Amino acid sequence: MAQGRKKGDRQDSLWIPTASIPVAAAHPFYQQVNDILAKHGFDKYVDELAAPFYKDGGRPGIPVGDYIRMMLIGFFEGIGSERGIAWRVADSLSLRHFLGRAVTDATPDHSSLSVIRRRLSPEFHQQAFQFVLTVLAREGQLRGKALGIDATTVEANAALRELQRKDTGERYAEYVKRLSKEAGEPAETMEDVVRFDRKREGKKLSNEEWEHPHDPDARVGRDKHDSTDMLYKLEKADDLETGAIVSVTVQPADTGDTDSIEVTLGQAEINVSVVQDDRQVAAKELVSDVSEVVADKGYHSNETCAFKLLGVRTYISEPRRGQRDWDGKAEERKAVYANRRRVRGKRGKRLRKLRGEICERGFAHLCDTGGQRRTFLRGLLDVTKKALIGAMGFNLALLLRKVFGLRKPKQSEGRRGGYLPSPSPVFTPIPHISRAWAAMLDFSGSLTPRRGCHVTAA
């Protein structure tokens, strides 16, 4: 084979035959996503749901189903910004095929995504999420009985240096300059401001006194790396039997766990009841009412342990608090002691182990590899809309992995050439090989050694 040489600049032909345009094969993951959505009538449902937000006449906009698909691409590809999503779709032939766009068709711009997101209400996004949850229930991937609840922080699209005092409207640097002048040590340069601010006593950034002018819903807090930043609180409830996300809420970062759990659990019960009303789900009788809630010690309080009075058994880890005074709190004492007894039982230990595994792994997929750890939007409503679509992508990926054996897009490309779905997950060990080699085999029977593993033949 001769070595290829790069040709010099040349002018392309003015007219290009359509037959000469290369056509890429459909991506197996995204093709299966489209098949699932088409099977359950997703596009028709969201079109009818979004009809009240549009007027008759005028230039037709982007289909609502394409808007949701593009936001799902952000989760599947790990892209956090709408600009990045629009660029990725315009550059990929397989993603054009996922949207039903030809090579000669223009792809949606990021500004169109912003306009549609602001046009559609949070209730629309919640109902779209409930529809995907119903699809999971129809495929047997939702139970709803035991839920694990956990929360994490999401970095807001706001900078600490832009904070303003609510009473005077001063920026932080201006505020420190005024304090230094009142103390008789006027700070002229920024270095002087930093030096004075470092040594002064009693400094703090209280959310009651400070706010961001462009994102009032963001709050000052500590992130996962113990650094001070502007944050939101993302909380979700997971089905501990299947791993599906039953509900997801975004709340101010300074909201306590004992307060936020009521919102997330209430939304989970609403979503489960909506799923139960579906005819296909009701016929299978696979989804039951929420009856068990598992959480860590941050959610422990007298009120949360009393959820048993509402028909929900709690398995909430109890922090070390020493001896407590129960005078006049007979009902609270009974609820706390019952929760302590359940936590120490065999089922409580198993459920808490599942919560630690499923909830933490879900946050890794949703935030770290799903582009949700930092938001490029502002406002509680817009951040909630994006989180709901991210949770929809998580549930769809879970369905494809458990039912069809397909993994995430980047992983499925390397599976049997990237164009065939995985066979049925039925594995029969091949004789005459050791157990160590059998553990390295995938469902197709090909050897897939794990990284860092040293395997010897029998």
Protein backbone atom coordinates (compact mmCIF):
# COMPACT_ATOMS: atom_id res chain seq x y z
CA MET A 1 0.00 0.00 0.00
CA ALA A 2 1.41 3.37 -0.97
CA GLN A 3 1.58 6.25 1.47
CA GLY A 4 -1.22 8.75 1.17
CA ARG A 5 -0.43 12.40 0.62
CA LYS A 6 -2.55 15.37 1.68
CA LYS A 7 -3.80 17.26 -1.33
CA GLY A 8 -3.55 20.99 -1.56
CA ASP A 9 -6.43 23.39 -1.18
CA ARG A 10 -9.00 23.05 -3.89
CA GLN A 11 -12.40 24.48 -4.60
CA ASP A 12 -15.27 22.06 -4.05
CA SER A 13 -17.88 21.50 -6.67
CA LEU A 14 -20.79 23.90 -6.61
CA TRP A 15 -23.34 21.10 -7.01
CA ILE A 16 -22.98 17.85 -5.03
CA PRO A 17 -25.16 14.82 -5.96
CA THR A 18 -27.19 13.54 -3.03
CA ALA A 19 -26.09 9.98 -3.74
CA SER A 20 -22.46 10.93 -3.15
CA ILE A 21 -23.08 12.12 0.42
CA PRO A 22 -21.86 9.47 2.89
CA VAL A 23 -24.53 7.84 5.05
CA ALA A 24 -23.45 6.63 8.49
CA ALA A 25 -24.88 3.53 10.09
CA ALA A 26 -27.30 4.18 12.92
CA HIS A 27 -25.81 3.96 16.39
CA PRO A 28 -27.16 0.81 18.09
CA PHE A 29 -27.81 2.57 21.38
CA TYR A 30 -29.65 5.57 19.95
CA GLN A 31 -31.52 3.37 17.48
CA GLN A 32 -32.82 1.29 20.37
CA VAL A 33 -33.81 4.46 22.26
CA ASN A 34 -35.84 5.58 19.25
CA ASP A 35 -37.46 2.16 18.98
CA ILE A 36 -38.49 2.23 22.64
CA LEU A 37 -39.92 5.75 22.39
CA ALA A 38 -41.77 4.91 19.15
CA LYS A 39 -43.16 1.70 20.62
CA HIS A 40 -44.83 3.55 23.49
CA GLY A 41 -45.92 6.63 21.48
CA PHE A 42 -43.63 9.13 23.16
CA ASP A 43 -43.65 11.80 20.43
CA LYS A 44 -47.43 11.84 20.12
CA TYR A 45 -47.77 12.13 23.89
CA VAL A 46 -45.39 15.08 24.31
CA ASP A 47 -46.84 16.86 21.26
CA GLU A 48 -50.32 16.75 22.76
CA LEU A 49 -48.91 17.71 26.16
CA ALA A 50 -47.10 20.77 24.75
CA ALA A 51 -49.94 21.96 22.50
CA PRO A 52 -51.33 24.51 25.03
CA PHE A 53 -47.96 26.29 25.09
CA TYR A 54 -48.05 27.08 21.35
CA LYS A 55 -50.29 29.22 19.17
CA ASP A 56 -51.84 28.28 15.84
CA GLY A 57 -50.21 29.87 12.81
CA GLY A 58 -46.71 31.18 12.27
CA ARG A 59 -43.51 29.36 11.43
CA PRO A 60 -43.40 25.83 12.92
CA GLY A 61 -40.81 25.39 15.64
CA ILE A 62 -38.63 22.45 16.53
CA PRO A 63 -40.65 19.35 17.52
CA VAL A 64 -40.84 18.94 21.27
CA GLY A 65 -39.65 15.35 20.95
CA ASP A 66 -36.44 16.58 19.27
CA TYR A 67 -35.88 19.07 22.09
CA ILE A 68 -36.09 16.27 24.66
CA ARG A 69 -33.87 14.02 22.54
CA MET A 70 -31.18 16.70 22.32
CA MET A 71 -31.25 17.17 26.09
CA LEU A 72 -31.03 13.39 26.47
CA ILE A 73 -27.92 13.49 24.28
CA GLY A 74 -26.42 15.84 26.84
CA PHE A 75 -26.82 13.14 29.48
CA PHE A 76 -25.69 10.24 27.29
CA GLU A 77 -22.62 12.10 26.01
CA GLY A 78 -21.79 13.86 29.28
CA ILE A 79 -22.30 17.40 27.89
CA GLY A 80 -23.53 19.99 30.36
CA SER A 81 -24.12 23.06 28.20
CA GLU A 82 -26.73 23.52 25.49
CA ARG A 83 -24.10 25.05 23.21
CA GLY A 84 -22.03 21.89 23.51
CA ILE A 85 -25.07 19.73 22.77
CA ALA A 86 -25.93 21.73 19.64
CA TRP A 87 -22.34 21.52 18.38
CA ARG A 88 -22.14 17.77 19.05
CA VAL A 89 -25.39 17.09 17.16
CA ALA A 90 -24.31 19.22 14.19
CA ASP A 91 -21.00 17.34 13.99
CA SER A 92 -22.32 13.76 14.28
CA LEU A 93 -24.06 11.81 11.52
CA SER A 94 -25.39 9.18 13.93
CA LEU A 95 -26.97 11.84 16.18
CA ARG A 96 -28.56 13.43 13.11
CA HIS A 97 -30.07 10.03 12.40
CA PHE A 98 -31.26 9.87 16.03
CA LEU A 99 -33.13 13.16 15.49
CA GLY A 100 -34.42 12.09 12.08
CA ARG A 101 -32.40 14.78 10.28
CA ALA A 102 -30.79 14.27 6.89
CA VAL A 103 -27.26 15.40 6.13
CA THR A 104 -28.60 18.38 4.22
CA ASP A 105 -30.94 19.44 7.06
CA ALA A 106 -29.95 22.05 9.61
CA THR A 107 -29.76 20.94 13.22
CA PRO A 108 -31.36 22.90 16.09
CA ASP A 109 -29.34 25.77 17.52
CA HIS A 110 -28.69 26.20 21.24
CA SER A 111 -30.90 29.30 21.32
CA SER A 112 -33.83 27.21 20.12
CA LEU A 113 -33.31 24.83 23.04
CA SER A 114 -33.36 27.76 25.45
CA VAL A 115 -36.56 29.18 23.95
CA ILE A 116 -38.37 25.83 24.12
CA ARG A 117 -37.17 25.18 27.68
CA ARG A 118 -38.49 28.55 28.87
CA ARG A 119 -41.75 28.05 26.97
CA LEU A 120 -42.55 24.65 28.48
CA SER A 121 -43.56 24.61 32.15
CA PRO A 122 -42.02 22.49 34.93
CA GLU A 123 -45.28 20.52 35.02
CA PHE A 124 -44.71 19.48 31.39
CA HIS A 125 -41.24 18.18 32.23
CA GLN A 126 -42.61 16.37 35.27
CA GLN A 127 -45.30 14.68 33.18
CA ALA A 128 -42.75 13.69 30.53
CA PHE A 129 -40.63 12.15 33.30
CA GLN A 130 -43.69 10.27 34.58
CA PHE A 131 -44.29 8.92 31.07
CA VAL A 132 -40.76 7.47 30.90
CA LEU A 133 -41.30 6.03 34.37
CA THR A 134 -44.46 4.39 33.05
CA VAL A 135 -42.44 2.88 30.19
CA LEU A 136 -40.10 1.32 32.76
CA ALA A 137 -43.06 -0.12 34.63
CA ARG A 138 -44.51 -1.59 31.43
CA GLU A 139 -41.18 -3.33 30.81
CA GLY A 140 -41.08 -4.65 34.39
CA GLN A 141 -38.30 -2.39 35.64
CA LEU A 142 -40.16 -0.59 38.45
CA ARG A 143 -41.49 -1.80 41.79
CA GLY A 144 -41.96 1.31 43.93
CA LYS A 145 -42.13 -0.44 47.30
CA ALA A 146 -38.74 0.47 48.86
CA LEU A 147 -37.12 3.82 48.06
CA GLY A 148 -33.65 5.07 48.89
CA ILE A 149 -33.30 8.85 49.24
CA ASP A 150 -30.07 10.79 49.01
CA ALA A 151 -28.93 14.28 48.01
CA THR A 152 -25.88 15.95 46.49
CA THR A 153 -24.77 19.44 45.57
CA VAL A 154 -24.81 20.94 42.08
CA GLU A 155 -22.56 23.86 41.18
CA ALA A 156 -24.60 26.89 40.17
CA ASN A 157 -23.81 29.20 37.26
CA ALA A 158 -22.82 31.99 39.65
CA ALA A 159 -19.56 33.34 41.06
CA LEU A 160 -18.89 34.22 44.69
CA ARG A 161 -17.19 37.48 43.74
CA GLU A 162 -20.51 38.77 42.33
CA LEU A 163 -22.36 38.46 45.64
CA GLN A 164 -24.29 41.48 46.87
CA ARG A 165 -25.64 42.40 50.27
CA LYS A 166 -29.41 42.35 50.39
CA ASP A 167 -29.68 45.49 52.51
CA THR A 168 -27.18 47.84 50.79
CA GLY A 169 -26.55 46.20 47.40
CA GLU A 170 -22.76 46.36 47.93
CA ARG A 171 -20.39 43.90 46.30
CA TYR A 172 -18.16 41.95 48.65
CA ALA A 173 -15.04 43.98 47.80
CA GLU A 174 -16.90 47.26 48.35
CA TYR A 175 -18.23 45.94 51.65
CA VAL A 176 -14.73 45.06 52.89
CA LYS A 177 -13.41 48.46 51.79
CA ARG A 178 -16.08 50.18 53.83
CA LEU A 179 -15.24 48.08 56.88
CA SER A 180 -11.53 48.84 56.51
CA LYS A 181 -12.25 52.56 56.29
CA GLU A 182 -14.42 52.41 59.41
CA ALA A 183 -11.63 50.52 61.21
CA GLY A 184 -9.10 53.25 60.37
CA GLU A 185 -7.16 51.07 57.90
CA PRO A 186 -8.34 52.25 54.47
CA ALA A 187 -7.67 49.68 51.73
CA GLU A 188 -6.78 51.30 48.42
CA THR A 189 -5.72 48.31 46.31
CA MET A 190 -7.17 44.83 45.94
CA GLU A 191 -4.18 43.41 47.82
CA ASP A 192 -5.01 45.64 50.76
CA VAL A 193 -8.62 44.45 50.65
CA VAL A 194 -7.56 40.79 50.71
CA ARG A 195 -5.07 41.44 53.52
CA PHE A 196 -7.64 43.23 55.68
CA ASP A 197 -10.31 40.61 54.97
CA ARG A 198 -7.96 37.79 55.95
CA LYS A 199 -7.24 39.14 59.42
CA ARG A 200 -10.63 40.58 60.37
CA GLU A 201 -12.73 38.63 62.87
CA GLY A 202 -16.30 37.44 62.57
CA LYS A 203 -16.45 37.30 58.78
CA LYS A 204 -19.05 35.03 57.22
CA LEU A 205 -21.22 34.76 54.14
CA SER A 206 -24.76 34.24 55.37
CA ASN A 207 -27.46 33.42 52.85
CA GLU A 208 -29.77 35.64 54.87
CA GLU A 209 -27.56 38.67 54.14
CA TRP A 210 -26.02 37.90 50.74
CA GLU A 211 -27.42 36.85 47.36
CA HIS A 212 -26.30 36.63 43.76
CA PRO A 213 -27.82 39.39 41.58
CA HIS A 214 -28.28 37.14 38.53
CA ASP A 215 -29.26 33.91 40.32
CA PRO A 216 -31.08 34.62 43.60
CA ASP A 217 -31.99 30.93 44.00
CA ALA A 218 -28.34 29.85 44.33
CA ARG A 219 -26.98 29.52 47.85
CA VAL A 220 -23.53 29.70 49.41
CA GLY A 221 -22.46 26.33 50.77
CA ARG A 222 -19.88 23.56 50.89
CA ASP A 223 -19.61 21.29 47.88
CA LYS A 224 -18.52 17.63 47.77
CA HIS A 225 -14.87 18.71 47.93
CA ASP A 226 -15.48 20.89 51.02
CA SER A 227 -14.99 24.09 49.03
CA THR A 228 -17.22 27.16 49.37
CA ASP A 229 -19.25 27.82 46.23
CA MET A 230 -22.68 28.80 44.90
CA LEU A 231 -24.76 25.62 44.93
CA TYR A 232 -28.08 23.92 44.41
CA LYS A 233 -29.30 20.79 46.17
CA LEU A 234 -30.21 17.83 43.95
CA GLU A 235 -32.20 15.12 45.71
CA LYS A 236 -33.59 11.91 44.25
CA ALA A 237 -35.50 8.82 45.31
CA ASP A 238 -34.37 5.47 43.82
CA ASP A 239 -36.23 2.20 43.57
CA LEU A 240 -34.01 -0.15 45.56
CA GLU A 241 -35.21 -3.24 43.68
CA THR A 242 -34.50 -2.02 40.13
CA GLY A 243 -32.33 1.10 40.54
CA ALA A 244 -34.76 3.38 38.67
CA ILE A 245 -35.08 7.03 39.68
CA VAL A 246 -38.64 7.49 40.92
CA SER A 247 -38.43 11.23 41.64
CA VAL A 248 -35.87 14.02 41.47
CA THR A 249 -36.14 17.50 42.96
CA VAL A 250 -33.87 20.55 42.99
CA GLN A 251 -34.03 22.78 46.05
CA PRO A 252 -31.98 25.60 47.56
CA ALA A 253 -28.65 24.35 48.89
CA ASP A 254 -29.35 25.56 52.43
CA THR A 255 -32.48 23.40 52.75
CA GLY A 256 -32.06 20.79 55.48
CA ASP A 257 -32.37 17.10 54.71
CA THR A 258 -35.27 16.70 57.13
CA ASP A 259 -37.21 19.35 55.19
CA SER A 260 -36.30 18.32 51.65
CA ILE A 261 -37.18 14.65 52.14
CA GLU A 262 -40.84 15.53 52.48
CA VAL A 263 -40.83 17.21 49.05
CA THR A 264 -38.95 14.38 47.32
CA LEU A 265 -40.96 11.62 48.99
CA GLY A 266 -44.24 13.40 48.24
CA GLN A 267 -43.31 13.71 44.56
CA ALA A 268 -42.27 10.05 44.49
CA GLU A 269 -45.66 8.98 45.81
CA ILE A 270 -47.38 11.12 43.15
CA ASN A 271 -45.24 9.60 40.38
CA VAL A 272 -45.92 6.06 41.59
CA SER A 273 -49.67 6.71 41.70
CA VAL A 274 -49.57 8.07 38.13
CA VAL A 275 -47.75 4.95 36.97
CA GLN A 276 -50.28 2.72 38.73
CA ASP A 277 -53.13 4.42 36.84
CA ASP A 278 -51.72 3.25 33.51
CA ARG A 279 -53.78 0.40 32.07
CA GLN A 280 -50.85 -1.79 31.02
CA VAL A 281 -49.14 -1.37 34.38
CA ALA A 282 -52.36 -2.01 36.33
CA ALA A 283 -52.89 -5.25 34.41
CA LYS A 284 -49.44 -6.57 35.43
CA GLU A 285 -49.75 -5.41 39.06
CA LEU A 286 -45.98 -4.99 39.40
CA VAL A 287 -45.90 -1.51 40.96
CA SER A 288 -46.99 -1.18 44.59
CA ASP A 289 -47.43 1.79 46.89
CA VAL A 290 -44.39 3.31 48.59
CA SER A 291 -44.12 1.56 51.96
CA GLU A 292 -40.39 1.71 52.89
CA VAL A 293 -37.96 4.64 52.90
CA VAL A 294 -34.22 4.28 53.48
CA ALA A 295 -31.93 7.24 54.17
CA ASP A 296 -28.70 8.15 55.93
CA LYS A 297 -28.32 9.79 59.35
CA GLY A 298 -28.63 13.31 57.92
CA TYR A 299 -32.36 12.67 57.48
CA HIS A 300 -32.95 11.43 61.02
CA SER A 301 -35.38 13.42 63.16
CA ASN A 302 -38.48 12.82 65.24
CA GLU A 303 -40.66 13.95 62.36
CA THR A 304 -39.10 11.73 59.68
CA CYS A 305 -39.21 8.69 61.94
CA ALA A 306 -42.92 9.38 62.41
CA PHE A 307 -43.56 8.68 58.70
CA LYS A 308 -44.82 5.30 59.98
CA LEU A 309 -48.00 7.12 60.95
CA LEU A 310 -48.49 7.86 57.23
CA GLY A 311 -48.12 4.22 56.26
CA VAL A 312 -44.38 4.36 55.42
CA ARG A 313 -41.77 2.38 57.36
CA THR A 314 -38.49 4.23 57.78
CA TYR A 315 -34.97 2.80 57.85
CA ILE A 316 -32.99 5.94 58.71
CA SER A 317 -29.57 5.60 60.32
CA GLU A 318 -29.44 7.29 63.72
CA PRO A 319 -26.54 9.60 64.65
CA ARG A 320 -24.89 9.52 68.08
CA ARG A 321 -26.80 12.00 70.23
CA GLY A 322 -26.36 10.66 73.73
CA GLN A 323 -29.19 10.32 76.19
CA ARG A 324 -32.35 12.18 75.16
CA ASP A 325 -35.19 13.72 77.15
CA TRP A 326 -38.55 12.27 76.11
CA ASP A 327 -40.80 14.13 78.56
CA GLY A 328 -44.07 14.90 76.78
CA LYS A 329 -42.89 13.15 73.59
CA ALA A 330 -44.31 9.67 73.94
CA GLU A 331 -45.30 9.33 70.26
CA GLU A 332 -41.94 10.64 69.02
CA ARG A 333 -40.11 8.26 71.34
CA LYS A 334 -42.14 5.34 70.05
CA ALA A 335 -41.41 6.26 66.42
CA VAL A 336 -37.66 6.74 66.98
CA TYR A 337 -37.30 3.46 68.88
CA ALA A 338 -39.25 1.58 66.19
CA ASN A 339 -37.01 3.05 63.49
CA ARG A 340 -33.93 2.03 65.53
CA ARG A 341 -35.24 -1.53 65.83
CA ARG A 342 -35.88 -1.77 62.07
CA VAL A 343 -32.45 -0.39 61.19
CA ARG A 344 -30.71 -3.02 63.32
CA GLY A 345 -32.65 -5.89 61.78
CA LYS A 346 -31.54 -8.05 58.86
CA ARG A 347 -33.81 -6.34 56.35
CA GLY A 348 -32.72 -2.91 57.56
CA LYS A 349 -29.06 -3.77 57.08
CA ARG A 350 -29.73 -5.13 53.60
CA LEU A 351 -31.75 -2.09 52.55
CA ARG A 352 -29.15 0.35 53.86
CA LYS A 353 -26.47 -1.52 51.93
CA LEU A 354 -28.57 -1.29 48.75
CA ARG A 355 -29.16 2.42 49.31
CA GLY A 356 -25.43 3.09 49.62
CA GLU A 357 -24.78 1.19 46.41
CA ILE A 358 -27.67 2.32 44.21
CA CYS A 359 -27.99 5.96 45.26
CA GLU A 360 -24.28 6.74 45.09
CA ARG A 361 -23.86 4.96 41.77
CA GLY A 362 -26.88 6.84 40.43
CA PHE A 363 -25.30 10.16 41.33
CA ALA A 364 -22.09 9.10 39.59
CA HIS A 365 -24.01 8.42 36.36
CA LEU A 366 -26.35 11.39 36.66
CA CYS A 367 -23.89 14.09 37.78
CA ASP A 368 -20.31 13.05 37.10
CA THR A 369 -20.66 11.31 33.71
CA GLY A 370 -24.06 12.76 32.80
CA GLY A 371 -23.11 16.44 32.77
CA GLN A 372 -25.28 17.41 35.76
CA ARG A 373 -22.60 18.21 38.35
CA ARG A 374 -22.40 21.81 37.14
CA THR A 375 -25.37 23.64 35.69
CA PHE A 376 -25.09 26.28 32.99
CA LEU A 377 -28.61 27.52 33.70
CA ARG A 378 -29.89 29.96 36.28
CA GLY A 379 -32.97 29.77 38.41
CA LEU A 380 -34.54 26.93 40.34
CA LEU A 381 -37.13 26.17 37.66
CA ASP A 382 -34.69 25.83 34.76
CA VAL A 383 -32.27 23.71 36.80
CA THR A 384 -35.17 21.45 37.79
CA LYS A 385 -36.21 21.02 34.15
CA LYS A 386 -32.72 19.92 33.17
CA ALA A 387 -32.48 17.54 36.14
CA LEU A 388 -35.78 15.89 35.18
CA ILE A 389 -34.62 15.24 31.61
CA GLY A 390 -31.32 13.90 32.96
CA ALA A 391 -33.28 11.49 35.16
CA MET A 392 -35.31 10.46 32.09
CA GLY A 393 -32.05 9.61 30.32
CA PHE A 394 -30.86 7.65 33.34
CA ASN A 395 -34.04 5.56 33.37
CA LEU A 396 -33.88 4.93 29.62
CA ALA A 397 -30.25 3.83 29.90
CA LEU A 398 -31.22 1.54 32.79
CA LEU A 399 -33.99 0.00 30.70
CA LEU A 400 -31.70 -0.61 27.71
CA ARG A 401 -29.02 -2.17 29.89
CA LYS A 402 -31.30 -4.54 31.78
CA VAL A 403 -33.68 -5.53 28.98
CA PHE A 404 -31.54 -5.33 25.84
CA GLY A 405 -28.01 -5.58 27.26
CA LEU A 406 -26.97 -2.26 25.74
CA ARG A 407 -24.69 -0.05 27.77
CA LYS A 408 -23.89 3.65 27.41
CA PRO A 409 -23.17 4.90 23.87
CA LYS A 410 -19.38 4.98 24.26
CA GLN A 411 -19.35 1.49 25.77
CA SER A 412 -21.71 -0.04 23.23
CA GLU A 413 -19.49 1.09 20.34
CA GLY A 414 -16.84 -1.42 21.34
CA ARG A 415 -19.28 -4.27 21.94
CA ARG A 416 -19.20 -6.71 19.01
CA GLY A 417 -18.24 -4.02 16.53
CA GLY A 418 -20.76 -1.48 17.77
CA TYR A 419 -23.54 -2.30 15.30
CA LEU A 420 -25.26 -5.32 16.86
CA PRO A 421 -27.16 -5.36 20.15
CA SER A 422 -26.00 -7.72 22.83
CA PRO A 423 -27.56 -11.17 22.86
CA SER A 424 -29.86 -12.31 25.60
CA PRO A 425 -28.06 -12.22 28.97
CA VAL A 426 -28.00 -15.98 29.46
CA PHE A 427 -24.56 -17.37 30.35
CA THR A 428 -23.55 -21.01 30.45
CA PRO A 429 -19.96 -21.69 31.62
CA ILE A 430 -17.84 -23.45 29.03
CA PRO A 431 -16.24 -26.67 30.34
CA HIS A 432 -12.50 -27.35 30.49
CA ILE A 433 -11.64 -23.80 31.61
CA SER A 434 -11.06 -22.43 35.06
CA ARG A 435 -13.57 -20.32 36.98
CA ALA A 436 -11.26 -17.31 36.66
CA TRP A 437 -11.45 -17.51 32.86
CA ALA A 438 -15.21 -18.08 33.00
CA ALA A 439 -15.62 -14.89 35.04
CA MET A 440 -13.89 -12.95 32.26
CA LEU A 441 -16.36 -14.08 29.58
CA ASP A 442 -19.15 -11.77 28.42
CA PHE A 443 -22.56 -12.92 27.21
CA SER A 444 -21.35 -13.41 23.64
CA GLY A 445 -18.71 -15.91 24.76
CA SER A 446 -15.69 -13.75 23.85
CA LEU A 447 -12.88 -13.16 26.31
CA THR A 448 -12.96 -9.70 27.88
CA PRO A 449 -10.25 -9.53 30.56
CA ARG A 450 -10.72 -6.80 33.11
CA ARG A 451 -8.09 -4.13 33.37
CA GLY A 452 -5.49 -4.95 35.99
CA CYS A 453 -6.51 -8.62 36.30
CA HIS A 454 -3.92 -11.39 35.93
CA VAL A 455 -5.59 -14.64 34.87
CA THR A 456 -3.88 -18.02 34.55
CA ALA A 457 -5.24 -21.01 32.69
CA ALA A 458 -6.33 -24.11 34.56
